[in-house]
Amino acid sequence: MFEDNATRVLESYSKTQTLDIRKELYHFVKRAFDIVVSSVALIVLAPVLLLVAALIKFDSKGPVFIDQKRIGKDGKMFKIYKFRSMVDHAEDILLEMMENDPAIKEEYMTNKKLESDPRVTRVGKFLRRTSIDELPQLINIFLGNMTLVGPRPYLAMEIPDMGVCYRTIIKMTPGLTGPWQVSGRNDIGFQERCIMDVRYFRECSLSTDLKILFKTAGAVISKKGAK
């Protein structure tokens, strides 16, 4: 079912694809907007970032920031920066949990996340509900390996599950926010998320990006889908 739905979306795009100078202008304006917004935001939010760093350090052992390798544009791997919201060595703990509990393994392999993840710290729960843990990605945006709006960056281990969507998704620069975040985030299944990202590639425009940014603000305030 997933492959059929994804293929239909891709075929719909290929029938309407045209070379258009507006796409080049779109990417130019988008990059300029990214640079301005990320640089200003990093300066304005500096006190908040320092406060969050202190809270993380006092709450649990481990580094303030984490960097994870994610899939970028054209399939190139890059490091994504986030505030640490889990206990130290969380990935090793996940592997151990999956080995000891088949139900946890099935849940993670299906959704790529755990509904009630015991690895999340006290401060981490707050950071995730408010999406503050994502703020360090403003650095990624300034550097150009991420953008404000685009598909959320995927893990290399998720490539097999992305199916035919993979080759379309890697044509885009990953985003701080995107269609997944404004449609329910953790309430959306992994395969549906992939199809949504393919649809975004087909329909992306400045107006679409602005709508997603406004919806993101509403989603953050309402904490819809955030866990």
C-alpha atoms as a PDB file:
ATOM      1  CA  MET A   1       0.000   0.000   0.000  1.00  0.00           C
ATOM      2  CA  PHE A   2       2.804   2.417   0.928  1.00  0.00           C
ATOM      3  CA  GLU A   3       4.705   1.787  -2.319  1.00  0.00           C
ATOM      4  CA  ASP A   4       1.520   2.189  -4.381  1.00  0.00           C
ATOM      5  CA  ASN A   5       0.602   5.499  -2.725  1.00  0.00           C
ATOM      6  CA  ALA A   6       4.140   6.841  -3.041  1.00  0.00           C
ATOM      7  CA  THR A   7       4.347   5.825  -6.699  1.00  0.00           C
ATOM      8  CA  ARG A   8       1.061   7.587  -7.496  1.00  0.00           C
ATOM      9  CA  VAL A   9       2.350  10.807  -5.934  1.00  0.00           C
ATOM     10  CA  LEU A  10       5.614  10.558  -7.870  1.00  0.00           C
ATOM     11  CA  GLU A  11       3.832   9.848 -11.172  1.00  0.00           C
ATOM     12  CA  SER A  12       1.532  12.814 -10.591  1.00  0.00           C
ATOM     13  CA  TYR A  13       4.587  15.017 -10.137  1.00  0.00           C
ATOM     14  CA  SER A  14       6.439  13.704 -13.204  1.00  0.00           C
ATOM     15  CA  LYS A  15       3.463  14.482 -15.464  1.00  0.00           C
ATOM     16  CA  THR A  16       3.402  18.122 -14.443  1.00  0.00           C
ATOM     17  CA  GLN A  17       7.150  18.799 -14.033  1.00  0.00           C
ATOM     18  CA  THR A  18       8.405  21.737 -16.116  1.00  0.00           C
ATOM     19  CA  LEU A  19      11.583  23.797 -16.220  1.00  0.00           C
ATOM     20  CA  ASP A  20      10.664  27.106 -14.692  1.00  0.00           C
ATOM     21  CA  ILE A  21      12.833  30.096 -13.837  1.00  0.00           C
ATOM     22  CA  ARG A  22      10.497  30.711 -10.899  1.00  0.00           C
ATOM     23  CA  LYS A  23      11.989  27.637  -9.218  1.00  0.00           C
ATOM     24  CA  GLU A  24      15.463  29.151  -9.437  1.00  0.00           C
ATOM     25  CA  LEU A  25      14.159  32.425  -8.006  1.00  0.00           C
ATOM     26  CA  TYR A  26      12.361  30.487  -5.276  1.00  0.00           C
ATOM     27  CA  HIS A  27      15.569  28.757  -4.149  1.00  0.00           C
ATOM     28  CA  PHE A  28      17.547  32.023  -4.269  1.00  0.00           C
ATOM     29  CA  VAL A  29      15.007  33.921  -2.152  1.00  0.00           C
ATOM     30  CA  LYS A  30      14.642  30.972   0.195  1.00  0.00           C
ATOM     31  CA  ARG A  31      18.389  30.805   0.861  1.00  0.00           C
ATOM     32  CA  ALA A  32      18.619  34.565   1.435  1.00  0.00           C
ATOM     33  CA  PHE A  33      15.687  34.364   3.852  1.00  0.00           C
ATOM     34  CA  ASP A  34      17.361  31.469   5.694  1.00  0.00           C
ATOM     35  CA  ILE A  35      20.586  33.426   6.192  1.00  0.00           C
ATOM     36  CA  VAL A  36      18.846  36.557   7.474  1.00  0.00           C
ATOM     37  CA  VAL A  37      16.413  34.764   9.811  1.00  0.00           C
ATOM     38  CA  SER A  38      18.939  32.280  11.249  1.00  0.00           C
ATOM     39  CA  SER A  39      21.595  34.919  11.942  1.00  0.00           C
ATOM     40  CA  VAL A  40      19.132  37.322  13.591  1.00  0.00           C
ATOM     41  CA  ALA A  41      17.488  34.515  15.590  1.00  0.00           C
ATOM     42  CA  LEU A  42      20.824  33.229  16.917  1.00  0.00           C
ATOM     43  CA  ILE A  43      21.680  36.719  18.193  1.00  0.00           C
ATOM     44  CA  VAL A  44      18.256  37.488  19.693  1.00  0.00           C
ATOM     45  CA  LEU A  45      17.852  34.038  21.267  1.00  0.00           C
ATOM     46  CA  ALA A  46      21.394  33.849  22.680  1.00  0.00           C
ATOM     47  CA  PRO A  47      20.225  34.425  26.318  1.00  0.00           C
ATOM     48  CA  VAL A  48      17.575  31.705  25.952  1.00  0.00           C
ATOM     49  CA  LEU A  49      20.095  29.277  24.477  1.00  0.00           C
ATOM     50  CA  LEU A  50      22.481  29.887  27.383  1.00  0.00           C
ATOM     51  CA  LEU A  51      19.696  29.353  29.941  1.00  0.00           C
ATOM     52  CA  VAL A  52      18.597  26.100  28.301  1.00  0.00           C
ATOM     53  CA  ALA A  53      22.214  24.898  28.203  1.00  0.00           C
ATOM     54  CA  ALA A  54      22.526  25.525  31.948  1.00  0.00           C
ATOM     55  CA  LEU A  55      19.262  23.670  32.714  1.00  0.00           C
ATOM     56  CA  ILE A  56      20.366  20.638  30.706  1.00  0.00           C
ATOM     57  CA  LYS A  57      23.732  20.561  32.455  1.00  0.00           C
ATOM     58  CA  PHE A  58      22.170  20.711  35.929  1.00  0.00           C
ATOM     59  CA  ASP A  59      19.436  18.173  35.140  1.00  0.00           C
ATOM     60  CA  SER A  60      21.492  15.190  33.986  1.00  0.00           C
ATOM     61  CA  LYS A  61      24.975  14.017  33.129  1.00  0.00           C
ATOM     62  CA  GLY A  62      26.146  14.370  29.556  1.00  0.00           C
ATOM     63  CA  PRO A  63      26.824  17.021  26.927  1.00  0.00           C
ATOM     64  CA  VAL A  64      24.546  20.017  26.379  1.00  0.00           C
ATOM     65  CA  PHE A  65      24.365  19.456  22.634  1.00  0.00           C
ATOM     66  CA  ILE A  66      24.168  16.328  20.551  1.00  0.00           C
ATOM     67  CA  ASP A  67      25.084  15.975  16.915  1.00  0.00           C
ATOM     68  CA  GLN A  68      23.665  13.213  14.791  1.00  0.00           C
ATOM     69  CA  LYS A  69      24.443  12.246  11.227  1.00  0.00           C
ATOM     70  CA  ARG A  70      21.425  12.779   9.000  1.00  0.00           C
ATOM     71  CA  ILE A  71      20.695  12.535   5.280  1.00  0.00           C
ATOM     72  CA  GLY A  72      21.058  15.867   3.506  1.00  0.00           C
ATOM     73  CA  LYS A  73      20.480  17.106  -0.022  1.00  0.00           C
ATOM     74  CA  ASP A  74      21.664  14.710  -2.740  1.00  0.00           C
ATOM     75  CA  GLY A  75      22.028  12.000  -0.099  1.00  0.00           C
ATOM     76  CA  LYS A  76      25.083  13.592   1.525  1.00  0.00           C
ATOM     77  CA  MET A  77      25.397  13.029   5.251  1.00  0.00           C
ATOM     78  CA  PHE A  78      25.742  15.987   7.626  1.00  0.00           C
ATOM     79  CA  LYS A  79      25.676  16.621  11.374  1.00  0.00           C
ATOM     80  CA  ILE A  80      22.449  18.011  12.802  1.00  0.00           C
ATOM     81  CA  TYR A  81      22.672  19.928  16.091  1.00  0.00           C
ATOM     82  CA  LYS A  82      20.123  19.656  18.898  1.00  0.00           C
ATOM     83  CA  PHE A  83      19.893  20.266  22.608  1.00  0.00           C
ATOM     84  CA  ARG A  84      20.227  16.943  24.418  1.00  0.00           C
ATOM     85  CA  SER A  85      16.793  15.836  25.594  1.00  0.00           C
ATOM     86  CA  MET A  86      17.701  12.239  26.489  1.00  0.00           C
ATOM     87  CA  VAL A  87      20.051  10.566  28.913  1.00  0.00           C
ATOM     88  CA  ASP A  88      23.634  10.136  27.797  1.00  0.00           C
ATOM     89  CA  HIS A  89      24.331   7.166  25.469  1.00  0.00           C
ATOM     90  CA  ALA A  90      20.622   7.021  24.519  1.00  0.00           C
ATOM     91  CA  GLU A  91      21.245   5.067  21.301  1.00  0.00           C
ATOM     92  CA  ASP A  92      23.065   2.275  23.157  1.00  0.00           C
ATOM     93  CA  ILE A  93      20.223   2.115  25.679  1.00  0.00           C
ATOM     94  CA  LEU A  94      17.675   1.866  22.845  1.00  0.00           C
ATOM     95  CA  LEU A  95      19.496  -1.108  21.330  1.00  0.00           C
ATOM     96  CA  GLU A  96      19.506  -2.833  24.715  1.00  0.00           C
ATOM     97  CA  MET A  97      15.804  -2.119  25.215  1.00  0.00           C
ATOM     98  CA  MET A  98      14.976  -3.531  21.782  1.00  0.00           C
ATOM     99  CA  GLU A  99      16.959  -6.674  22.474  1.00  0.00           C
ATOM    100  CA  ASN A 100      15.186  -7.264  25.786  1.00  0.00           C
ATOM    101  CA  ASP A 101      11.637  -6.286  24.812  1.00  0.00           C
ATOM    102  CA  PRO A 102      10.104  -7.439  21.472  1.00  0.00           C
ATOM    103  CA  ALA A 103       7.180  -4.997  21.910  1.00  0.00           C
ATOM    104  CA  ILE A 104       9.548  -2.034  22.128  1.00  0.00           C
ATOM    105  CA  LYS A 105      11.432  -3.284  19.075  1.00  0.00           C
ATOM    106  CA  GLU A 106       8.221  -3.625  17.063  1.00  0.00           C
ATOM    107  CA  GLU A 107       7.019  -0.154  18.108  1.00  0.00           C
ATOM    108  CA  TYR A 108      10.300   1.491  17.186  1.00  0.00           C
ATOM    109  CA  MET A 109      10.715  -0.367  13.886  1.00  0.00           C
ATOM    110  CA  THR A 110       7.173   0.636  12.892  1.00  0.00           C
ATOM    111  CA  ASN A 111       7.106   4.275  13.991  1.00  0.00           C
ATOM    112  CA  LYS A 112      10.839   5.123  14.385  1.00  0.00           C
ATOM    113  CA  LYS A 113      10.008   6.419  17.870  1.00  0.00           C
ATOM    114  CA  LEU A 114       8.622   5.279  21.223  1.00  0.00           C
ATOM    115  CA  GLU A 115       5.349   6.661  22.565  1.00  0.00           C
ATOM    116  CA  SER A 116       6.631   6.772  26.165  1.00  0.00           C
ATOM    117  CA  ASP A 117      10.392   6.895  25.856  1.00  0.00           C
ATOM    118  CA  PRO A 118      12.090   6.341  29.255  1.00  0.00           C
ATOM    119  CA  ARG A 119      15.318   7.831  27.914  1.00  0.00           C
ATOM    120  CA  VAL A 120      13.873  11.370  27.826  1.00  0.00           C
ATOM    121  CA  THR A 121      15.042  13.519  30.756  1.00  0.00           C
ATOM    122  CA  ARG A 122      12.869  15.837  32.885  1.00  0.00           C
ATOM    123  CA  VAL A 123      14.161  18.935  31.106  1.00  0.00           C
ATOM    124  CA  GLY A 124      14.077  17.023  27.833  1.00  0.00           C
ATOM    125  CA  LYS A 125      10.316  16.511  28.088  1.00  0.00           C
ATOM    126  CA  PHE A 126       9.828  20.268  28.307  1.00  0.00           C
ATOM    127  CA  LEU A 127      12.264  20.937  25.466  1.00  0.00           C
ATOM    128  CA  ARG A 128      10.448  18.489  23.217  1.00  0.00           C
ATOM    129  CA  ARG A 129       6.951  19.752  24.037  1.00  0.00           C
ATOM    130  CA  THR A 130       8.039  23.291  23.190  1.00  0.00           C
ATOM    131  CA  SER A 131      10.385  22.268  20.327  1.00  0.00           C
ATOM    132  CA  ILE A 132      13.186  24.229  22.002  1.00  0.00           C
ATOM    133  CA  ASP A 133      15.490  21.240  21.541  1.00  0.00           C
ATOM    134  CA  GLU A 134      15.489  22.060  17.809  1.00  0.00           C
ATOM    135  CA  LEU A 135      16.815  25.635  18.161  1.00  0.00           C
ATOM    136  CA  PRO A 136      20.515  24.736  17.660  1.00  0.00           C
ATOM    137  CA  GLN A 137      19.560  23.771  14.104  1.00  0.00           C
ATOM    138  CA  LEU A 138      19.582  27.485  13.372  1.00  0.00           C
ATOM    139  CA  ILE A 139      23.337  26.890  13.062  1.00  0.00           C
ATOM    140  CA  ASN A 140      22.676  24.239  10.414  1.00  0.00           C
ATOM    141  CA  ILE A 141      20.406  26.669   8.563  1.00  0.00           C
ATOM    142  CA  PHE A 142      23.021  29.421   8.624  1.00  0.00           C
ATOM    143  CA  LEU A 143      25.640  26.973   7.299  1.00  0.00           C
ATOM    144  CA  GLY A 144      23.311  25.892   4.494  1.00  0.00           C
ATOM    145  CA  ASN A 145      22.934  22.170   5.165  1.00  0.00           C
ATOM    146  CA  MET A 146      19.387  22.839   6.411  1.00  0.00           C
ATOM    147  CA  THR A 147      16.640  25.308   5.570  1.00  0.00           C
ATOM    148  CA  LEU A 148      13.744  26.781   7.546  1.00  0.00           C
ATOM    149  CA  VAL A 149      11.099  24.781   5.682  1.00  0.00           C
ATOM    150  CA  GLY A 150      11.636  21.361   4.152  1.00  0.00           C
ATOM    151  CA  PRO A 151      11.407  17.661   4.965  1.00  0.00           C
ATOM    152  CA  ARG A 152      12.754  16.751   8.384  1.00  0.00           C
ATOM    153  CA  PRO A 153      16.204  15.130   7.989  1.00  0.00           C
ATOM    154  CA  TYR A 154      16.100  11.347   8.005  1.00  0.00           C
ATOM    155  CA  LEU A 155      18.504   8.830   9.525  1.00  0.00           C
ATOM    156  CA  ALA A 156      20.596   6.579   7.283  1.00  0.00           C
ATOM    157  CA  MET A 157      19.015   3.524   8.921  1.00  0.00           C
ATOM    158  CA  GLU A 158      15.605   4.726   7.671  1.00  0.00           C
ATOM    159  CA  ILE A 159      16.542   4.613   3.966  1.00  0.00           C
ATOM    160  CA  PRO A 160      15.128   1.095   3.363  1.00  0.00           C
ATOM    161  CA  ASP A 161      11.806   2.133   4.911  1.00  0.00           C
ATOM    162  CA  MET A 162      11.625   5.300   2.774  1.00  0.00           C
ATOM    163  CA  GLY A 163      11.149   3.145  -0.321  1.00  0.00           C
ATOM    164  CA  VAL A 164      10.653   4.960  -3.626  1.00  0.00           C
ATOM    165  CA  CYS A 165      10.253   8.250  -1.739  1.00  0.00           C
ATOM    166  CA  TYR A 166      13.974   8.367  -0.962  1.00  0.00           C
ATOM    167  CA  ARG A 167      15.146   9.520  -4.373  1.00  0.00           C
ATOM    168  CA  THR A 168      12.687  12.435  -4.336  1.00  0.00           C
ATOM    169  CA  ILE A 169      13.244  13.484  -0.737  1.00  0.00           C
ATOM    170  CA  ILE A 170      17.022  13.804  -1.183  1.00  0.00           C
ATOM    171  CA  LYS A 171      16.436  16.378  -3.939  1.00  0.00           C
ATOM    172  CA  MET A 172      15.500  18.808  -1.155  1.00  0.00           C
ATOM    173  CA  THR A 173      17.458  20.476   1.629  1.00  0.00           C
ATOM    174  CA  PRO A 174      16.145  19.206   5.000  1.00  0.00           C
ATOM    175  CA  GLY A 175      14.136  21.699   7.045  1.00  0.00           C
ATOM    176  CA  LEU A 176      13.730  22.859  10.627  1.00  0.00           C
ATOM    177  CA  THR A 177       9.992  22.572  10.066  1.00  0.00           C
ATOM    178  CA  GLY A 178       7.860  21.132   7.303  1.00  0.00           C
ATOM    179  CA  PRO A 179       4.558  19.475   6.430  1.00  0.00           C
ATOM    180  CA  TRP A 180       5.082  16.721   9.007  1.00  0.00           C
ATOM    181  CA  GLN A 181       5.413  19.144  11.929  1.00  0.00           C
ATOM    182  CA  VAL A 182       2.260  21.108  11.091  1.00  0.00           C
ATOM    183  CA  SER A 183       0.170  17.992  10.497  1.00  0.00           C
ATOM    184  CA  GLY A 184       0.528  16.309  13.858  1.00  0.00           C
ATOM    185  CA  ARG A 185       4.219  15.334  14.151  1.00  0.00           C
ATOM    186  CA  ASN A 186       4.259  12.273  16.398  1.00  0.00           C
ATOM    187  CA  ASP A 187       0.634  11.513  15.519  1.00  0.00           C
ATOM    188  CA  ILE A 188       1.737  10.846  11.914  1.00  0.00           C
ATOM    189  CA  GLY A 189       3.113   7.442  10.890  1.00  0.00           C
ATOM    190  CA  PHE A 190       6.517   7.135   9.232  1.00  0.00           C
ATOM    191  CA  GLN A 191       5.276   6.077   5.796  1.00  0.00           C
ATOM    192  CA  GLU A 192       2.659   8.832   5.720  1.00  0.00           C
ATOM    193  CA  ARG A 193       5.407  11.290   6.631  1.00  0.00           C
ATOM    194  CA  CYS A 194       7.460  10.182   3.595  1.00  0.00           C
ATOM    195  CA  ILE A 195       4.513  10.675   1.240  1.00  0.00           C
ATOM    196  CA  MET A 196       3.836  14.112   2.731  1.00  0.00           C
ATOM    197  CA  ASP A 197       7.449  15.121   2.016  1.00  0.00           C
ATOM    198  CA  VAL A 198       7.117  13.982  -1.607  1.00  0.00           C
ATOM    199  CA  ARG A 199       3.950  16.057  -1.954  1.00  0.00           C
ATOM    200  CA  TYR A 200       5.806  19.045  -0.522  1.00  0.00           C
ATOM    201  CA  PHE A 201       8.503  18.671  -3.187  1.00  0.00           C
ATOM    202  CA  ARG A 202       5.823  18.788  -5.872  1.00  0.00           C
ATOM    203  CA  GLU A 203       4.015  21.798  -4.419  1.00  0.00           C
ATOM    204  CA  CYS A 204       6.793  23.821  -2.721  1.00  0.00           C
ATOM    205  CA  SER A 205       6.688  27.593  -3.210  1.00  0.00           C
ATOM    206  CA  LEU A 206       7.250  30.722  -1.155  1.00  0.00           C
ATOM    207  CA  SER A 207       3.554  30.900  -0.293  1.00  0.00           C
ATOM    208  CA  THR A 208       3.556  27.243   0.799  1.00  0.00           C
ATOM    209  CA  ASP A 209       6.632  27.824   2.972  1.00  0.00           C
ATOM    210  CA  LEU A 210       5.084  30.890   4.612  1.00  0.00           C
ATOM    211  CA  LYS A 211       1.906  28.947   5.376  1.00  0.00           C
ATOM    212  CA  ILE A 212       3.975  26.186   6.987  1.00  0.00           C
ATOM    213  CA  LEU A 213       5.915  28.718   9.067  1.00  0.00           C
ATOM    214  CA  PHE A 214       2.684  30.282  10.362  1.00  0.00           C
ATOM    215  CA  LYS A 215       1.205  26.850  11.074  1.00  0.00           C
ATOM    216  CA  THR A 216       4.424  25.868  12.863  1.00  0.00           C
ATOM    217  CA  ALA A 217       4.021  28.770  15.262  1.00  0.00           C
ATOM    218  CA  GLY A 218       0.484  27.585  16.015  1.00  0.00           C
ATOM    219  CA  ALA A 219       1.594  23.960  16.436  1.00  0.00           C
ATOM    220  CA  VAL A 220       4.362  24.967  18.860  1.00  0.00           C
ATOM    221  CA  ILE A 221       1.933  27.056  20.938  1.00  0.00           C
ATOM    222  CA  SER A 222      -0.720  24.322  21.006  1.00  0.00           C
ATOM    223  CA  LYS A 223       1.948  21.577  21.358  1.00  0.00           C
ATOM    224  CA  LYS A 224      -0.057  19.521  18.847  1.00  0.00           C
ATOM    225  CA  GLY A 225       1.631  16.164  18.306  1.00  0.00           C
ATOM    226  CA  ALA A 226       4.615  17.115  20.458  1.00  0.00           C
ATOM    227  CA  LYS A 227       5.824  14.466  22.935  1.00  0.00           C
END
